[in-house]
């Protein structure tokens, strides 16, 4: 599965092809350290969505991301891996940080969460 293709089809309308997002609505993914809060956070965002205001680089965003749980485990793993390496994000990666694969996503899929729970997870792990 090509993560760049999944991103183009599923994510770029809101987060833009360049990962820069839309001011005050959809946060940038480019140079966004939230991608490395922990191994699973972006997987939970894709699976369960994200609801609640977030501040990224001093700017607050209030858009609601719906769940993309219709994507396969392999598609989610591929898009998370792509976003973590695109637009200079690789330089934000902590040493020894493990990638995700379809098996990791499948296990994360079993965790019952709503988008507000993902928001709380973010707050607890920042």
PDB file of N, CA and C in Angstrom:
ATOM      1  N   UNK A   1       0.852  -1.183   0.000  1.00  0.00           N
ATOM      2  CA  UNK A   1       0.000   0.000   0.000  1.00  0.00           C
ATOM      3  C   UNK A   1       0.891   1.238   0.000  1.00  0.00           C
ATOM      4  N   UNK A   2       0.550   2.201  -0.821  1.00  0.00           N
ATOM      5  CA  UNK A   2       1.310   3.439  -0.955  1.00  0.00           C
ATOM      6  C   UNK A   2       0.691   4.520  -0.057  1.00  0.00           C
ATOM      7  N   UNK A   3       1.384   4.868   1.016  1.00  0.00           N
ATOM      8  CA  UNK A   3       0.884   5.859   1.961  1.00  0.00           C
ATOM      9  C   UNK A   3       0.667   7.225   1.344  1.00  0.00           C
ATOM     10  N   UNK A   4       1.513   7.597   0.395  1.00  0.00           N
ATOM     11  CA  UNK A   4       1.351   8.891  -0.282  1.00  0.00           C
ATOM     12  C   UNK A   4       0.040   8.918  -1.062  1.00  0.00           C
ATOM     13  N   UNK A   5      -0.300   7.807  -1.691  1.00  0.00           N
ATOM     14  CA  UNK A   5      -1.557   7.712  -2.431  1.00  0.00           C
ATOM     15  C   UNK A   5      -2.755   7.765  -1.481  1.00  0.00           C
ATOM     16  N   UNK A   6      -2.683   7.049  -0.372  1.00  0.00           N
ATOM     17  CA  UNK A   6      -3.765   7.080   0.620  1.00  0.00           C
ATOM     18  C   UNK A   6      -3.937   8.515   1.114  1.00  0.00           C
ATOM     19  N   UNK A   7      -2.848   9.187   1.405  1.00  0.00           N
ATOM     20  CA  UNK A   7      -2.911  10.575   1.860  1.00  0.00           C
ATOM     21  C   UNK A   7      -3.590  11.454   0.814  1.00  0.00           C
ATOM     22  N   UNK A   8      -3.185  11.316  -0.429  1.00  0.00           N
ATOM     23  CA  UNK A   8      -3.763  12.139  -1.496  1.00  0.00           C
ATOM     24  C   UNK A   8      -5.268  11.925  -1.616  1.00  0.00           C
ATOM     25  N   UNK A   9      -5.702  10.685  -1.479  1.00  0.00           N
ATOM     26  CA  UNK A   9      -7.132  10.369  -1.626  1.00  0.00           C
ATOM     27  C   UNK A   9      -7.955  10.704  -0.394  1.00  0.00           C
ATOM     28  N   UNK A  10      -7.380  10.561   0.800  1.00  0.00           N
ATOM     29  CA  UNK A  10      -8.180  10.634   2.016  1.00  0.00           C
ATOM     30  C   UNK A  10      -7.909  11.869   2.890  1.00  0.00           C
ATOM     31  N   UNK A  11      -6.749  12.458   2.795  1.00  0.00           N
ATOM     32  CA  UNK A  11      -6.336  13.470   3.777  1.00  0.00           C
ATOM     33  C   UNK A  11      -6.073  14.857   3.194  1.00  0.00           C
ATOM     34  N   UNK A  12      -5.663  14.916   1.944  1.00  0.00           N
ATOM     35  CA  UNK A  12      -5.168  16.176   1.394  1.00  0.00           C
ATOM     36  C   UNK A  12      -6.237  17.256   1.251  1.00  0.00           C
ATOM     37  N   UNK A  13      -7.496  16.897   1.162  1.00  0.00           N
ATOM     38  CA  UNK A  13      -8.537  17.920   1.043  1.00  0.00           C
ATOM     39  C   UNK A  13      -8.535  18.850   2.256  1.00  0.00           C
ATOM     40  N   UNK A  14      -8.284  18.321   3.416  1.00  0.00           N
ATOM     41  CA  UNK A  14      -8.258  19.138   4.632  1.00  0.00           C
ATOM     42  C   UNK A  14      -6.842  19.570   5.016  1.00  0.00           C
ATOM     43  N   UNK A  15      -5.905  18.637   4.996  1.00  0.00           N
ATOM     44  CA  UNK A  15      -4.548  18.931   5.443  1.00  0.00           C
ATOM     45  C   UNK A  15      -3.649  19.441   4.317  1.00  0.00           C
ATOM     46  N   UNK A  16      -4.180  19.501   3.108  1.00  0.00           N
ATOM     47  CA  UNK A  16      -3.508  20.023   1.923  1.00  0.00           C
ATOM     48  C   UNK A  16      -2.409  19.077   1.438  1.00  0.00           C
ATOM     49  N   UNK A  17      -2.124  19.138   0.161  1.00  0.00           N
ATOM     50  CA  UNK A  17      -1.125  18.262  -0.450  1.00  0.00           C
ATOM     51  C   UNK A  17       0.256  18.471   0.165  1.00  0.00           C
ATOM     52  N   UNK A  18       0.506  19.672   0.654  1.00  0.00           N
ATOM     53  CA  UNK A  18       1.797  20.004   1.245  1.00  0.00           C
ATOM     54  C   UNK A  18       1.839  19.782   2.752  1.00  0.00           C
ATOM     55  N   UNK A  19       0.740  19.298   3.334  1.00  0.00           N
ATOM     56  CA  UNK A  19       0.681  19.051   4.766  1.00  0.00           C
ATOM     57  C   UNK A  19       0.568  20.314   5.607  1.00  0.00           C
ATOM     58  N   UNK A  20       0.266  21.449   4.981  1.00  0.00           N
ATOM     59  CA  UNK A  20       0.230  22.725   5.693  1.00  0.00           C
ATOM     60  C   UNK A  20      -1.095  23.016   6.385  1.00  0.00           C
ATOM     61  N   UNK A  21      -2.136  22.222   6.119  1.00  0.00           N
ATOM     62  CA  UNK A  21      -3.427  22.422   6.771  1.00  0.00           C
ATOM     63  C   UNK A  21      -4.132  23.680   6.322  1.00  0.00           C
ATOM     64  N   UNK A  22      -5.188  24.035   7.053  1.00  0.00           N
ATOM     65  CA  UNK A  22      -5.983  25.233   6.786  1.00  0.00           C
ATOM     66  C   UNK A  22      -6.035  26.022   8.089  1.00  0.00           C
ATOM     67  N   UNK A  23      -5.532  27.262   8.090  1.00  0.00           N
ATOM     68  CA  UNK A  23      -5.478  28.042   9.334  1.00  0.00           C
ATOM     69  C   UNK A  23      -6.794  28.037  10.111  1.00  0.00           C
ATOM     70  N   UNK A  24      -6.662  27.825  11.411  1.00  0.00           N
ATOM     71  CA  UNK A  24      -7.752  27.845  12.388  1.00  0.00           C
ATOM     72  C   UNK A  24      -8.752  26.699  12.240  1.00  0.00           C
ATOM     73  N   UNK A  25      -8.621  25.881  11.208  1.00  0.00           N
ATOM     74  CA  UNK A  25      -9.579  24.800  10.994  1.00  0.00           C
ATOM     75  C   UNK A  25      -8.929  23.429  11.032  1.00  0.00           C
ATOM     76  N   UNK A  26      -8.001  23.181  10.115  1.00  0.00           N
ATOM     77  CA  UNK A  26      -7.336  21.875  10.025  1.00  0.00           C
ATOM     78  C   UNK A  26      -5.845  22.066  10.244  1.00  0.00           C
ATOM     79  N   UNK A  27      -5.293  21.430  11.272  1.00  0.00           N
ATOM     80  CA  UNK A  27      -3.893  21.678  11.618  1.00  0.00           C
ATOM     81  C   UNK A  27      -2.919  21.152  10.579  1.00  0.00           C
ATOM     82  N   UNK A  28      -1.743  21.760  10.558  1.00  0.00           N
ATOM     83  CA  UNK A  28      -0.708  21.258   9.662  1.00  0.00           C
ATOM     84  C   UNK A  28      -0.189  19.915  10.163  1.00  0.00           C
ATOM     85  N   UNK A  29       0.185  19.088   9.238  1.00  0.00           N
ATOM     86  CA  UNK A  29       0.875  17.846   9.579  1.00  0.00           C
ATOM     87  C   UNK A  29       2.370  18.019   9.356  1.00  0.00           C
ATOM     88  N   UNK A  30       2.735  18.960   8.517  1.00  0.00           N
ATOM     89  CA  UNK A  30       4.145  19.262   8.279  1.00  0.00           C
ATOM     90  C   UNK A  30       4.750  19.882   9.537  1.00  0.00           C
ATOM     91  N   UNK A  31       5.910  19.352   9.946  1.00  0.00           N
ATOM     92  CA  UNK A  31       6.604  19.853  11.132  1.00  0.00           C
ATOM     93  C   UNK A  31       5.731  19.856  12.379  1.00  0.00           C
ATOM     94  N   UNK A  32       4.932  18.812  12.534  1.00  0.00           N
ATOM     95  CA  UNK A  32       4.017  18.699  13.667  1.00  0.00           C
ATOM     96  C   UNK A  32       4.516  17.607  14.611  1.00  0.00           C
ATOM     97  N   UNK A  33       5.005  18.012  15.762  1.00  0.00           N
ATOM     98  CA  UNK A  33       5.568  17.056  16.723  1.00  0.00           C
ATOM     99  C   UNK A  33       4.514  16.124  17.315  1.00  0.00           C
ATOM    100  N   UNK A  34       3.232  16.450  17.193  1.00  0.00           N
ATOM    101  CA  UNK A  34       2.174  15.551  17.676  1.00  0.00           C
ATOM    102  C   UNK A  34       2.259  14.174  17.020  1.00  0.00           C
ATOM    103  N   UNK A  35       2.832  14.105  15.843  1.00  0.00           N
ATOM    104  CA  UNK A  35       2.963  12.819  15.144  1.00  0.00           C
ATOM    105  C   UNK A  35       3.827  11.839  15.925  1.00  0.00           C
ATOM    106  N   UNK A  36       4.595  12.381  16.866  1.00  0.00           N
ATOM    107  CA  UNK A  36       5.520  11.547  17.632  1.00  0.00           C
ATOM    108  C   UNK A  36       5.227  11.597  19.132  1.00  0.00           C
ATOM    109  N   UNK A  37       4.000  11.986  19.503  1.00  0.00           N
ATOM    110  CA  UNK A  37       3.621  11.956  20.925  1.00  0.00           C
ATOM    111  C   UNK A  37       3.891  10.561  21.474  1.00  0.00           C
ATOM    112  N   UNK A  38       3.469   9.592  20.749  1.00  0.00           N
ATOM    113  CA  UNK A  38       3.802   8.197  21.012  1.00  0.00           C
ATOM    114  C   UNK A  38       3.521   7.415  19.742  1.00  0.00           C
ATOM    115  N   UNK A  39       3.811   6.151  19.766  1.00  0.00           N
ATOM    116  CA  UNK A  39       3.692   5.326  18.568  1.00  0.00           C
ATOM    117  C   UNK A  39       2.260   5.262  18.031  1.00  0.00           C
ATOM    118  N   UNK A  40       1.275   5.262  18.932  1.00  0.00           N
ATOM    119  CA  UNK A  40      -0.108   5.013  18.519  1.00  0.00           C
ATOM    120  C   UNK A  40      -0.961   6.256  18.287  1.00  0.00           C
ATOM    121  N   UNK A  41      -0.556   7.413  18.788  1.00  0.00           N
ATOM    122  CA  UNK A  41      -1.443   8.569  18.699  1.00  0.00           C
ATOM    123  C   UNK A  41      -1.982   8.832  17.290  1.00  0.00           C
ATOM    124  N   UNK A  42      -1.149   8.954  16.256  1.00  0.00           N
ATOM    125  CA  UNK A  42      -1.739   9.217  14.936  1.00  0.00           C
ATOM    126  C   UNK A  42      -2.604   8.064  14.419  1.00  0.00           C
ATOM    127  N   UNK A  43      -2.316   6.857  14.853  1.00  0.00           N
ATOM    128  CA  UNK A  43      -3.165   5.715  14.476  1.00  0.00           C
ATOM    129  C   UNK A  43      -4.552   5.905  15.077  1.00  0.00           C
ATOM    130  N   UNK A  44      -4.616   6.294  16.355  1.00  0.00           N
ATOM    131  CA  UNK A  44      -5.910   6.545  17.002  1.00  0.00           C
ATOM    132  C   UNK A  44      -6.655   7.690  16.324  1.00  0.00           C
ATOM    133  N   UNK A  45      -5.929   8.721  15.911  1.00  0.00           N
ATOM    134  CA  UNK A  45      -6.572   9.846  15.225  1.00  0.00           C
ATOM    135  C   UNK A  45      -7.225   9.368  13.938  1.00  0.00           C
ATOM    136  N   UNK A  46      -6.511   8.594  13.144  1.00  0.00           N
ATOM    137  CA  UNK A  46      -7.068   8.105  11.876  1.00  0.00           C
ATOM    138  C   UNK A  46      -8.233   7.152  12.142  1.00  0.00           C
ATOM    139  N   UNK A  47      -8.076   6.245  13.089  1.00  0.00           N
ATOM    140  CA  UNK A  47      -9.129   5.261  13.365  1.00  0.00           C
ATOM    141  C   UNK A  47     -10.394   5.875  13.960  1.00  0.00           C
ATOM    142  N   UNK A  48     -10.217   6.792  14.912  1.00  0.00           N
ATOM    143  CA  UNK A  48     -11.346   7.257  15.716  1.00  0.00           C
ATOM    144  C   UNK A  48     -11.686   8.731  15.537  1.00  0.00           C
ATOM    145  N   UNK A  49     -10.879   9.457  14.776  1.00  0.00           N
ATOM    146  CA  UNK A  49     -11.118  10.881  14.593  1.00  0.00           C
ATOM    147  C   UNK A  49     -10.564  11.681  15.761  1.00  0.00           C
ATOM    148  N   UNK A  50     -10.754  12.995  15.695  1.00  0.00           N
ATOM    149  CA  UNK A  50     -10.283  13.882  16.748  1.00  0.00           C
ATOM    150  C   UNK A  50     -11.247  15.048  16.863  1.00  0.00           C
ATOM    151  N   UNK A  51     -11.749  15.249  18.073  1.00  0.00           N
ATOM    152  CA  UNK A  51     -12.695  16.329  18.320  1.00  0.00           C
ATOM    153  C   UNK A  51     -12.229  17.112  19.538  1.00  0.00           C
ATOM    154  N   UNK A  52     -12.201  18.406  19.402  1.00  0.00           N
ATOM    155  CA  UNK A  52     -11.756  19.278  20.478  1.00  0.00           C
ATOM    156  C   UNK A  52     -10.652  20.181  19.970  1.00  0.00           C
ATOM    157  N   UNK A  53     -10.588  21.376  20.511  1.00  0.00           N
ATOM    158  CA  UNK A  53      -9.578  22.343  20.086  1.00  0.00           C
ATOM    159  C   UNK A  53      -8.183  21.822  20.397  1.00  0.00           C
ATOM    160  N   UNK A  54      -7.275  22.024  19.452  1.00  0.00           N
ATOM    161  CA  UNK A  54      -5.871  21.688  19.649  1.00  0.00           C
ATOM    162  C   UNK A  54      -5.034  22.896  19.262  1.00  0.00           C
ATOM    163  N   UNK A  55      -3.935  23.051  19.945  1.00  0.00           N
ATOM    164  CA  UNK A  55      -3.004  24.127  19.622  1.00  0.00           C
ATOM    165  C   UNK A  55      -1.742  23.497  19.058  1.00  0.00           C
ATOM    166  N   UNK A  56      -1.390  23.915  17.863  1.00  0.00           N
ATOM    167  CA  UNK A  56      -0.195  23.445  17.177  1.00  0.00           C
ATOM    168  C   UNK A  56       0.648  24.668  16.854  1.00  0.00           C
ATOM    169  N   UNK A  57       1.869  24.691  17.334  1.00  0.00           N
ATOM    170  CA  UNK A  57       2.790  25.802  17.091  1.00  0.00           C
ATOM    171  C   UNK A  57       2.144  27.153  17.411  1.00  0.00           C
ATOM    172  N   UNK A  58       1.421  27.221  18.521  1.00  0.00           N
ATOM    173  CA  UNK A  58       0.833  28.469  18.983  1.00  0.00           C
ATOM    174  C   UNK A  58      -0.483  28.866  18.336  1.00  0.00           C
ATOM    175  N   UNK A  59      -0.961  28.100  17.375  1.00  0.00           N
ATOM    176  CA  UNK A  59      -2.235  28.425  16.725  1.00  0.00           C
ATOM    177  C   UNK A  59      -3.280  27.378  17.084  1.00  0.00           C
ATOM    178  N   UNK A  60      -4.475  27.857  17.422  1.00  0.00           N
ATOM    179  CA  UNK A  60      -5.546  26.949  17.806  1.00  0.00           C
ATOM    180  C   UNK A  60      -6.367  26.535  16.588  1.00  0.00           C
ATOM    181  N   UNK A  61      -6.719  25.247  16.575  1.00  0.00           N
ATOM    182  CA  UNK A  61      -7.521  24.659  15.495  1.00  0.00           C
ATOM    183  C   UNK A  61      -8.767  24.044  16.098  1.00  0.00           C
ATOM    184  N   UNK A  62      -9.898  24.257  15.422  1.00  0.00           N
ATOM    185  CA  UNK A  62     -11.174  23.779  15.948  1.00  0.00           C
ATOM    186  C   UNK A  62     -11.905  22.832  15.001  1.00  0.00           C
ATOM    187  N   UNK A  63     -11.266  22.432  13.925  1.00  0.00           N
ATOM    188  CA  UNK A  63     -11.908  21.509  12.998  1.00  0.00           C
ATOM    189  C   UNK A  63     -12.117  20.146  13.643  1.00  0.00           C
ATOM    190  N   UNK A  64     -13.083  19.416  13.141  1.00  0.00           N
ATOM    191  CA  UNK A  64     -13.348  18.065  13.635  1.00  0.00           C
ATOM    192  C   UNK A  64     -12.895  17.080  12.568  1.00  0.00           C
ATOM    193  N   UNK A  65     -12.059  16.146  12.973  1.00  0.00           N
ATOM    194  CA  UNK A  65     -11.649  15.095  12.046  1.00  0.00           C
ATOM    195  C   UNK A  65     -12.523  13.883  12.280  1.00  0.00           C
ATOM    196  N   UNK A  66     -13.189  13.404  11.235  1.00  0.00           N
ATOM    197  CA  UNK A  66     -14.012  12.205  11.395  1.00  0.00           C
ATOM    198  C   UNK A  66     -13.130  10.958  11.433  1.00  0.00           C
ATOM    199  N   UNK A  67     -13.666   9.868  11.935  1.00  0.00           N
ATOM    200  CA  UNK A  67     -12.902   8.618  11.896  1.00  0.00           C
ATOM    201  C   UNK A  67     -12.741   8.123  10.460  1.00  0.00           C
ATOM    202  N   UNK A  68     -11.614   7.531  10.189  1.00  0.00           N
ATOM    203  CA  UNK A  68     -11.345   6.919   8.897  1.00  0.00           C
ATOM    204  C   UNK A  68     -11.156   5.418   9.082  1.00  0.00           C
ATOM    205  N   UNK A  69     -11.999   4.845   9.952  1.00  0.00           N
ATOM    206  CA  UNK A  69     -11.890   3.427  10.278  1.00  0.00           C
ATOM    207  C   UNK A  69     -12.308   2.518   9.124  1.00  0.00           C
ATOM    208  N   UNK A  70     -12.821   3.110   8.049  1.00  0.00           N
ATOM    209  CA  UNK A  70     -13.138   2.320   6.858  1.00  0.00           C
ATOM    210  C   UNK A  70     -11.872   1.913   6.094  1.00  0.00           C
ATOM    211  N   UNK A  71     -10.759   2.598   6.381  1.00  0.00           N
ATOM    212  CA  UNK A  71      -9.498   2.231   5.748  1.00  0.00           C
ATOM    213  C   UNK A  71      -8.998   0.911   6.337  1.00  0.00           C
ATOM    214  N   UNK A  72      -8.283   0.157   5.546  1.00  0.00           N
ATOM    215  CA  UNK A  72      -7.720  -1.107   6.026  1.00  0.00           C
ATOM    216  C   UNK A  72      -6.570  -0.833   6.996  1.00  0.00           C
ATOM    217  N   UNK A  73      -6.215  -1.839   7.747  1.00  0.00           N
ATOM    218  CA  UNK A  73      -5.080  -1.716   8.664  1.00  0.00           C
ATOM    219  C   UNK A  73      -3.815  -1.338   7.903  1.00  0.00           C
ATOM    220  N   UNK A  74      -3.618  -1.949   6.759  1.00  0.00           N
ATOM    221  CA  UNK A  74      -2.434  -1.661   5.945  1.00  0.00           C
ATOM    222  C   UNK A  74      -2.459  -0.219   5.427  1.00  0.00           C
ATOM    223  N   UNK A  75      -3.622   0.285   5.032  1.00  0.00           N
ATOM    224  CA  UNK A  75      -3.728   1.666   4.553  1.00  0.00           C
ATOM    225  C   UNK A  75      -3.420   2.658   5.674  1.00  0.00           C
ATOM    226  N   UNK A  76      -3.923   2.391   6.866  1.00  0.00           N
ATOM    227  CA  UNK A  76      -3.668   3.287   7.996  1.00  0.00           C
ATOM    228  C   UNK A  76      -2.188   3.281   8.350  1.00  0.00           C
ATOM    229  N   UNK A  77      -1.587   2.106   8.416  1.00  0.00           N
ATOM    230  CA  UNK A  77      -0.154   2.021   8.710  1.00  0.00           C
ATOM    231  C   UNK A  77       0.647   2.780   7.658  1.00  0.00           C
ATOM    232  N   UNK A  78       0.279   2.625   6.405  1.00  0.00           N
ATOM    233  CA  UNK A  78       1.010   3.282   5.316  1.00  0.00           C
ATOM    234  C   UNK A  78       0.873   4.803   5.372  1.00  0.00           C
ATOM    235  N   UNK A  79      -0.322   5.306   5.646  1.00  0.00           N
ATOM    236  CA  UNK A  79      -0.504   6.760   5.655  1.00  0.00           C
ATOM    237  C   UNK A  79       0.168   7.372   6.878  1.00  0.00           C
ATOM    238  N   UNK A  80       0.121   6.706   8.023  1.00  0.00           N
ATOM    239  CA  UNK A  80       0.813   7.223   9.205  1.00  0.00           C
ATOM    240  C   UNK A  80       2.320   7.251   8.954  1.00  0.00           C
ATOM    241  N   UNK A  81       2.849   6.203   8.374  1.00  0.00           N
ATOM    242  CA  UNK A  81       4.274   6.151   8.062  1.00  0.00           C
ATOM    243  C   UNK A  81       4.647   7.244   7.069  1.00  0.00           C
ATOM    244  N   UNK A  82       3.814   7.443   6.051  1.00  0.00           N
ATOM    245  CA  UNK A  82       4.080   8.497   5.063  1.00  0.00           C
ATOM    246  C   UNK A  82       4.114   9.875   5.725  1.00  0.00           C
ATOM    247  N   UNK A  83       3.093  10.189   6.513  1.00  0.00           N
ATOM    248  CA  UNK A  83       3.008  11.509   7.134  1.00  0.00           C
ATOM    249  C   UNK A  83       4.179  11.734   8.087  1.00  0.00           C
ATOM    250  N   UNK A  84       4.608  10.691   8.773  1.00  0.00           N
ATOM    251  CA  UNK A  84       5.732  10.834   9.697  1.00  0.00           C
ATOM    252  C   UNK A  84       7.069  11.057   8.980  1.00  0.00           C
ATOM    253  N   UNK A  85       7.118  10.817   7.693  1.00  0.00           N
ATOM    254  CA  UNK A  85       8.374  10.998   6.961  1.00  0.00           C
ATOM    255  C   UNK A  85       8.309  12.139   5.942  1.00  0.00           C
ATOM    256  N   UNK A  86       7.124  12.619   5.612  1.00  0.00           N
ATOM    257  CA  UNK A  86       6.957  13.670   4.602  1.00  0.00           C
ATOM    258  C   UNK A  86       7.210  15.059   5.201  1.00  0.00           C
ATOM    259  N   UNK A  87       7.485  16.022   4.334  1.00  0.00           N
ATOM    260  CA  UNK A  87       7.552  17.456   4.666  1.00  0.00           C
ATOM    261  C   UNK A  87       8.538  17.781   5.790  1.00  0.00           C
ATOM    262  N   UNK A  88       9.586  17.018   5.897  1.00  0.00           N
ATOM    263  CA  UNK A  88      10.588  17.280   6.926  1.00  0.00           C
ATOM    264  C   UNK A  88      10.278  16.677   8.287  1.00  0.00           C
ATOM    265  N   UNK A  89       9.184  15.918   8.392  1.00  0.00           N
ATOM    266  CA  UNK A  89       8.817  15.345   9.688  1.00  0.00           C
ATOM    267  C   UNK A  89       9.819  14.327  10.201  1.00  0.00           C
ATOM    268  N   UNK A  90      10.559  13.698   9.320  1.00  0.00           N
ATOM    269  CA  UNK A  90      11.519  12.683   9.764  1.00  0.00           C
ATOM    270  C   UNK A  90      12.528  13.250  10.757  1.00  0.00           C
ATOM    271  N   UNK A  91      12.831  14.535  10.639  1.00  0.00           N
ATOM    272  CA  UNK A  91      13.803  15.137  11.561  1.00  0.00           C
ATOM    273  C   UNK A  91      13.235  15.270  12.981  1.00  0.00           C
ATOM    274  N   UNK A  92      11.921  15.164  13.136  1.00  0.00           N
ATOM    275  CA  UNK A  92      11.291  15.250  14.451  1.00  0.00           C
ATOM    276  C   UNK A  92      11.261  13.895  15.164  1.00  0.00           C
ATOM    277  N   UNK A  93      11.546  12.847  14.433  1.00  0.00           N
ATOM    278  CA  UNK A  93      11.443  11.481  14.946  1.00  0.00           C
ATOM    279  C   UNK A  93      12.461  11.226  16.059  1.00  0.00           C
ATOM    280  N   UNK A  94      11.992  10.839  17.243  1.00  0.00           N
ATOM    281  CA  UNK A  94      12.928  10.506  18.329  1.00  0.00           C
ATOM    282  C   UNK A  94      13.757   9.272  17.965  1.00  0.00           C
ATOM    283  N   UNK A  95      14.953   9.221  18.480  1.00  0.00           N
ATOM    284  CA  UNK A  95      15.818   8.061  18.249  1.00  0.00           C
ATOM    285  C   UNK A  95      15.129   6.800  18.766  1.00  0.00           C
ATOM    286  N   UNK A  96      15.198   5.742  17.980  1.00  0.00           N
ATOM    287  CA  UNK A  96      14.627   4.463  18.380  1.00  0.00           C
ATOM    288  C   UNK A  96      13.114   4.374  18.266  1.00  0.00           C
ATOM    289  N   UNK A  97      12.481   5.388  17.680  1.00  0.00           N
ATOM    290  CA  UNK A  97      11.024   5.402  17.558  1.00  0.00           C
ATOM    291  C   UNK A  97      10.583   4.338  16.563  1.00  0.00           C
ATOM    292  N   UNK A  98       9.690   3.442  16.973  1.00  0.00           N
ATOM    293  CA  UNK A  98       9.271   2.313  16.144  1.00  0.00           C
ATOM    294  C   UNK A  98       8.159   2.699  15.175  1.00  0.00           C
ATOM    295  N   UNK A  99       8.253   2.192  13.957  1.00  0.00           N
ATOM    296  CA  UNK A  99       7.193   2.377  12.973  1.00  0.00           C
ATOM    297  C   UNK A  99       5.964   1.565  13.362  1.00  0.00           C
ATOM    298  N   UNK A 100       4.855   1.850  12.689  1.00  0.00           N
ATOM    299  CA  UNK A 100       3.655   1.037  12.858  1.00  0.00           C
ATOM    300  C   UNK A 100       3.461   0.211  11.596  1.00  0.00           C
ATOM    301  N   UNK A 101       2.833  -0.933  11.769  1.00  0.00           N
ATOM    302  CA  UNK A 101       2.487  -1.780  10.630  1.00  0.00           C
ATOM    303  C   UNK A 101       1.032  -2.213  10.799  1.00  0.00           C
ATOM    304  N   UNK A 102       0.545  -3.004   9.878  1.00  0.00           N
ATOM    305  CA  UNK A 102      -0.863  -3.416   9.894  1.00  0.00           C
ATOM    306  C   UNK A 102      -1.221  -4.174  11.170  1.00  0.00           C
ATOM    307  N   UNK A 103      -0.290  -4.942  11.719  1.00  0.00           N
ATOM    308  CA  UNK A 103      -0.557  -5.687  12.948  1.00  0.00           C
ATOM    309  C   UNK A 103      -0.775  -4.734  14.120  1.00  0.00           C
ATOM    310  N   UNK A 104       0.046  -3.698  14.209  1.00  0.00           N
ATOM    311  CA  UNK A 104      -0.094  -2.694  15.268  1.00  0.00           C
ATOM    312  C   UNK A 104      -1.431  -1.965  15.120  1.00  0.00           C
ATOM    313  N   UNK A 105      -1.793  -1.611  13.891  1.00  0.00           N
ATOM    314  CA  UNK A 105      -3.057  -0.915  13.655  1.00  0.00           C
ATOM    315  C   UNK A 105      -4.231  -1.823  14.018  1.00  0.00           C
ATOM    316  N   UNK A 106      -4.149  -3.087  13.661  1.00  0.00           N
ATOM    317  CA  UNK A 106      -5.231  -4.013  13.989  1.00  0.00           C
ATOM    318  C   UNK A 106      -5.447  -4.094  15.494  1.00  0.00           C
ATOM    319  N   UNK A 107      -4.377  -4.144  16.248  1.00  0.00           N
ATOM    320  CA  UNK A 107      -4.488  -4.182  17.705  1.00  0.00           C
ATOM    321  C   UNK A 107      -5.082  -2.875  18.232  1.00  0.00           C
ATOM    322  N   UNK A 108      -4.657  -1.738  17.683  1.00  0.00           N
ATOM    323  CA  UNK A 108      -5.192  -0.436  18.091  1.00  0.00           C
ATOM    324  C   UNK A 108      -6.674  -0.316  17.752  1.00  0.00           C
ATOM    325  N   UNK A 109      -7.076  -0.937  16.674  1.00  0.00           N
ATOM    326  CA  UNK A 109      -8.484  -0.910  16.246  1.00  0.00           C
ATOM    327  C   UNK A 109      -9.393  -1.545  17.300  1.00  0.00           C
ATOM    328  N   UNK A 110      -8.857  -2.446  18.087  1.00  0.00           N
ATOM    329  CA  UNK A 110      -9.654  -3.145  19.093  1.00  0.00           C
ATOM    330  C   UNK A 110      -9.967  -2.264  20.300  1.00  0.00           C
ATOM    331  N   UNK A 111      -9.228  -1.179  20.466  1.00  0.00           N
ATOM    332  CA  UNK A 111      -9.445  -0.263  21.597  1.00  0.00           C
ATOM    333  C   UNK A 111     -10.654   0.611  21.294  1.00  0.00           C
ATOM    334  N   UNK A 112     -11.647   0.536  22.131  1.00  0.00           N
ATOM    335  CA  UNK A 112     -12.868   1.314  21.936  1.00  0.00           C
ATOM    336  C   UNK A 112     -12.616   2.771  22.335  1.00  0.00           C
ATOM    337  N   UNK A 113     -12.703   3.653  21.348  1.00  0.00           N
ATOM    338  CA  UNK A 113     -12.491   5.082  21.591  1.00  0.00           C
ATOM    339  C   UNK A 113     -13.437   5.891  20.718  1.00  0.00           C
ATOM    340  N   UNK A 114     -13.742   7.076  21.185  1.00  0.00           N
ATOM    341  CA  UNK A 114     -14.462   8.069  20.398  1.00  0.00           C
ATOM    342  C   UNK A 114     -13.481   9.226  20.166  1.00  0.00           C
ATOM    343  N   UNK A 115     -13.851  10.130  19.267  1.00  0.00           N
ATOM    344  CA  UNK A 115     -12.938  11.225  18.932  1.00  0.00           C
ATOM    345  C   UNK A 115     -12.579  12.081  20.150  1.00  0.00           C
ATOM    346  N   UNK A 116     -13.511  12.255  21.080  1.00  0.00           N
ATOM    347  CA  UNK A 116     -13.203  13.031  22.296  1.00  0.00           C
ATOM    348  C   UNK A 116     -12.204  12.289  23.180  1.00  0.00           C
ATOM    349  N   UNK A 117     -12.236  10.945  23.138  1.00  0.00           N
ATOM    350  CA  UNK A 117     -11.259  10.154  23.890  1.00  0.00           C
ATOM    351  C   UNK A 117      -9.858  10.327  23.304  1.00  0.00           C
ATOM    352  N   UNK A 118      -9.781  10.451  21.987  1.00  0.00           N
ATOM    353  CA  UNK A 118      -8.490  10.669  21.331  1.00  0.00           C
ATOM    354  C   UNK A 118      -7.941  12.039  21.752  1.00  0.00           C
ATOM    355  N   UNK A 119      -8.822  13.025  21.855  1.00  0.00           N
ATOM    356  CA  UNK A 119      -8.413  14.348  22.320  1.00  0.00           C
ATOM    357  C   UNK A 119      -7.848  14.254  23.742  1.00  0.00           C
ATOM    358  N   UNK A 120      -8.519  13.531  24.613  1.00  0.00           N
ATOM    359  CA  UNK A 120      -8.039  13.347  25.990  1.00  0.00           C
ATOM    360  C   UNK A 120      -6.726  12.587  26.018  1.00  0.00           C
ATOM    361  N   UNK A 121      -6.573  11.592  25.141  1.00  0.00           N
ATOM    362  CA  UNK A 121      -5.332  10.819  25.031  1.00  0.00           C
ATOM    363  C   UNK A 121      -4.189  11.749  24.660  1.00  0.00           C
ATOM    364  N   UNK A 122      -4.442  12.632  23.699  1.00  0.00           N
ATOM    365  CA  UNK A 122      -3.418  13.609  23.297  1.00  0.00           C
ATOM    366  C   UNK A 122      -2.988  14.449  24.482  1.00  0.00           C
ATOM    367  N   UNK A 123      -3.954  14.977  25.226  1.00  0.00           N
ATOM    368  CA  UNK A 123      -3.644  15.834  26.370  1.00  0.00           C
ATOM    369  C   UNK A 123      -2.835  15.084  27.426  1.00  0.00           C
ATOM    370  N   UNK A 124      -3.160  13.832  27.635  1.00  0.00           N
ATOM    371  CA  UNK A 124      -2.484  13.029  28.665  1.00  0.00           C
ATOM    372  C   UNK A 124      -1.065  12.624  28.261  1.00  0.00           C
ATOM    373  N   UNK A 125      -0.774  12.613  26.971  1.00  0.00           N
ATOM    374  CA  UNK A 125       0.527  12.138  26.498  1.00  0.00           C
ATOM    375  C   UNK A 125       1.444  13.251  25.988  1.00  0.00           C
ATOM    376  N   UNK A 126       1.020  14.470  26.081  1.00  0.00           N
ATOM    377  CA  UNK A 126       1.865  15.604  25.636  1.00  0.00           C
ATOM    378  C   UNK A 126       2.856  15.972  26.687  1.00  0.00           C
TER     379      UNK A 126
END
